[in-house]
Amino acid sequence: MSKSTLWAPWRIDYILGNSSEKKEDGCLFCRLHSDDNDQKNLILARSEYSYIMLNRYPYSSGHLLVLPASHIADLNQLEGKAYIDLMLLLKKTIGVLQQVLQPGGINAGLNMGTAAGAGIADHLHFHVVPRWSGDHNFMPVIADTMVMPQHLDSTYEMLKPFFQDRS
C-alpha cells in the first residue's frame, strides 16, 4: 500500500492561532459584515437583519454560519423582525444546502456562550453543517485529521447563485 499525504494548508493559521482575523480589534463577524467584499469574506447572502457565510474553518464541506447583523451574544436579545429574519434565513440556508449538496442529513445548532463551545461567544451565530453517511470516518479518530473534499472557493461559487434572491 502506498503512503499518501493529505494537505489542508488553510487550517494551519487557525491551529496555530495565527489567523489575521484574530489579530484585529473588535468583532470578526461585525468587521466582515461591514466590509463590502462578500466573496473575499465568504458571505453568500444578506437580508435586512442577518447574513449567511461559509465557515472559514469548516467541520465539513458546505459548513455555513447564519448570523444576525447586530452584535449580540444571546438569542433572547433579538426581537421582532430581527428574530424572524434570522430564523427565515436559517430555514433558507438549510433548504439551499439540501437542494444543492443533497446531504444525507444536516446539523444545525447554536453554541451560545463559551461554556457551550462558542469560539466567538460575543456574536451569536448558528452553524449549519451538511452531513453524509461516512463523512467523518477513521481519519479524525486515528489521525486527528479532517478530510475536506472541496475548497472553500469552490463551495462559495457553487452555493452563491442560490442565495441571490433575498426571499
Protein backbone atom coordinates (compact mmCIF):
# COMPACT_ATOMS: atom_id res chain seq x y z
CA MET A 1 0.00 0.00 0.00
CA SER A 2 1.40 3.38 -0.93
CA LYS A 3 1.64 6.18 1.58
CA SER A 4 -0.31 9.34 0.76
CA THR A 5 -0.33 12.86 2.12
CA LEU A 6 -3.46 14.79 2.94
CA TRP A 7 -2.99 18.57 2.55
CA ALA A 8 -5.18 21.18 4.25
CA PRO A 9 -2.86 24.22 4.36
CA TRP A 10 -5.61 26.74 5.18
CA ARG A 11 -6.07 25.08 8.61
CA ILE A 12 -2.58 25.86 9.97
CA ASP A 13 -3.29 29.53 10.72
CA TYR A 14 -6.32 28.51 12.76
CA ILE A 15 -4.48 25.70 14.56
CA LEU A 16 -1.53 27.93 15.46
CA GLY A 17 -3.68 30.93 16.30
CA ASN A 18 -2.04 32.96 13.52
CA SER A 19 -5.23 33.94 11.73
CA SER A 20 -5.02 37.60 10.69
CA GLU A 21 -8.69 37.95 11.59
CA LYS A 22 -7.90 37.23 15.24
CA LYS A 23 -5.22 39.93 15.41
CA GLU A 24 -7.57 42.81 14.65
CA ASP A 25 -9.52 44.60 17.36
CA GLY A 26 -13.27 44.24 17.65
CA CYS A 27 -15.66 41.57 16.49
CA LEU A 28 -14.60 39.48 13.49
CA PHE A 29 -18.20 38.97 12.37
CA CYS A 30 -19.00 42.69 12.58
CA ARG A 31 -15.88 43.53 10.55
CA LEU A 32 -16.75 41.01 7.85
CA HIS A 33 -20.35 42.21 7.69
CA SER A 34 -19.32 45.87 7.37
CA ASP A 35 -16.85 45.14 4.54
CA ASP A 36 -18.31 45.18 1.02
CA ASN A 37 -16.17 42.34 -0.37
CA ASP A 38 -18.60 39.46 0.13
CA GLN A 39 -16.64 36.94 -1.91
CA LYS A 40 -13.39 37.56 -0.02
CA ASN A 41 -15.30 37.33 3.27
CA LEU A 42 -17.26 34.26 2.10
CA ILE A 43 -20.62 36.00 2.65
CA LEU A 44 -23.20 34.27 0.48
CA ALA A 45 -26.24 36.41 1.21
CA ARG A 46 -27.52 39.32 3.25
CA SER A 47 -31.02 40.11 4.39
CA GLU A 48 -32.29 43.17 6.23
CA TYR A 49 -31.14 41.95 9.67
CA SER A 50 -28.97 38.87 9.05
CA TYR A 51 -26.46 37.23 6.77
CA ILE A 52 -25.06 33.84 5.69
CA MET A 53 -21.41 33.00 5.28
CA LEU A 54 -19.18 29.98 4.79
CA ASN A 55 -17.28 28.93 7.88
CA ARG A 56 -13.61 29.62 7.10
CA TYR A 57 -12.60 26.66 9.31
CA PRO A 58 -15.33 24.12 8.46
CA TYR A 59 -16.12 20.78 10.03
CA SER A 60 -17.46 19.61 6.67
CA SER A 61 -17.75 20.96 3.11
CA GLY A 62 -20.67 23.38 2.94
CA HIS A 63 -20.47 24.33 6.66
CA LEU A 64 -22.32 27.65 6.83
CA LEU A 65 -22.92 30.25 9.53
CA VAL A 66 -26.16 32.21 9.87
CA LEU A 67 -25.75 35.39 11.89
CA PRO A 68 -27.63 38.48 12.93
CA ALA A 69 -26.10 41.68 11.57
CA SER A 70 -26.30 43.22 15.03
CA HIS A 71 -23.60 42.45 17.58
CA ILE A 72 -25.44 40.41 20.20
CA ALA A 73 -24.43 37.34 22.17
CA ASP A 74 -27.80 35.98 23.32
CA LEU A 75 -30.70 34.82 21.16
CA ASN A 76 -33.09 36.37 23.70
CA GLN A 77 -31.75 39.81 22.77
CA LEU A 78 -33.21 39.52 19.25
CA GLU A 79 -36.73 40.81 18.95
CA GLY A 80 -39.46 41.08 16.36
CA LYS A 81 -38.36 41.48 12.78
CA ALA A 82 -34.69 40.74 13.51
CA TYR A 83 -35.56 37.41 15.14
CA ILE A 84 -37.96 36.42 12.35
CA ASP A 85 -35.43 37.45 9.70
CA LEU A 86 -32.70 35.30 11.30
CA MET A 87 -34.99 32.26 11.54
CA LEU A 88 -36.15 32.65 7.92
CA LEU A 89 -32.54 32.90 6.76
CA LEU A 90 -31.68 29.78 8.79
CA LYS A 91 -34.57 27.94 7.11
CA LYS A 92 -33.45 29.14 3.65
CA THR A 93 -29.88 28.04 4.37
CA ILE A 94 -31.00 24.53 5.25
CA GLY A 95 -33.17 24.37 2.13
CA VAL A 96 -30.37 25.52 -0.19
CA LEU A 97 -27.92 23.00 1.27
CA GLN A 98 -30.48 20.21 0.85
CA GLN A 99 -31.13 21.24 -2.76
CA VAL A 100 -27.55 21.87 -3.89
CA LEU A 101 -25.37 19.49 -1.87
CA GLN A 102 -28.01 16.81 -1.24
CA PRO A 103 -26.61 15.68 2.12
CA GLY A 104 -27.98 12.70 3.99
CA GLY A 105 -28.70 14.99 6.95
CA ILE A 106 -27.94 18.39 8.44
CA ASN A 107 -26.69 19.50 11.83
CA ALA A 108 -27.99 22.98 12.73
CA GLY A 109 -27.05 24.40 16.05
CA LEU A 110 -26.29 27.35 18.23
CA ASN A 111 -23.41 27.40 20.73
CA MET A 112 -24.46 30.27 22.99
CA GLY A 113 -21.64 31.18 25.34
CA THR A 114 -18.07 29.98 25.75
CA ALA A 115 -19.11 27.15 28.07
CA ALA A 116 -21.40 25.86 25.30
CA GLY A 117 -18.50 25.75 22.84
CA ALA A 118 -18.84 29.11 21.08
CA GLY A 119 -15.48 30.09 19.61
CA ILE A 120 -16.73 33.64 19.11
CA ALA A 121 -19.14 34.00 22.01
CA ASP A 122 -19.85 37.73 21.69
CA HIS A 123 -21.63 37.47 18.32
CA LEU A 124 -24.48 34.98 18.06
CA HIS A 125 -24.25 32.54 15.13
CA PHE A 126 -25.87 29.32 14.02
CA HIS A 127 -23.77 26.55 12.50
CA VAL A 128 -25.40 24.65 9.63
CA VAL A 129 -23.38 21.58 8.69
CA PRO A 130 -24.37 19.22 5.87
CA ARG A 131 -23.62 15.58 6.70
CA TRP A 132 -23.27 12.42 4.64
CA SER A 133 -23.07 8.82 5.80
CA GLY A 134 -19.40 8.09 6.34
CA ASP A 135 -18.27 11.72 6.03
CA HIS A 136 -16.34 11.62 9.29
CA ASN A 137 -14.70 8.26 9.38
CA PHE A 138 -11.46 6.87 10.75
CA MET A 139 -9.37 9.95 9.89
CA PRO A 140 -10.43 12.10 12.88
CA VAL A 141 -10.33 9.12 15.22
CA ILE A 142 -6.97 7.65 14.18
CA ALA A 143 -5.08 10.62 12.76
CA ASP A 144 -6.86 13.64 14.30
CA THR A 145 -7.35 14.78 10.71
CA MET A 146 -10.43 16.05 8.89
CA VAL A 147 -10.77 15.34 5.18
CA MET A 148 -12.23 18.28 3.27
CA PRO A 149 -13.22 17.18 -0.23
CA GLN A 150 -13.84 20.67 -1.60
CA HIS A 151 -12.02 24.00 -1.39
CA LEU A 152 -13.91 26.94 0.17
CA ASP A 153 -13.77 28.96 -3.05
CA SER A 154 -15.43 26.10 -4.97
CA THR A 155 -18.15 25.73 -2.34
CA TYR A 156 -18.75 29.50 -2.42
CA GLU A 157 -19.12 29.55 -6.23
CA MET A 158 -21.48 26.56 -6.15
CA LEU A 159 -23.77 27.98 -3.44
CA LYS A 160 -23.73 31.72 -4.25
CA PRO A 161 -26.28 31.61 -7.11
CA PHE A 162 -28.87 30.00 -4.83
CA PHE A 163 -28.70 32.90 -2.37
CA GLN A 164 -29.11 35.68 -4.99
CA ASP A 165 -32.74 36.43 -4.19
CA ARG A 166 -33.46 37.71 -0.71
CA SER A 167 -36.60 35.65 -0.10
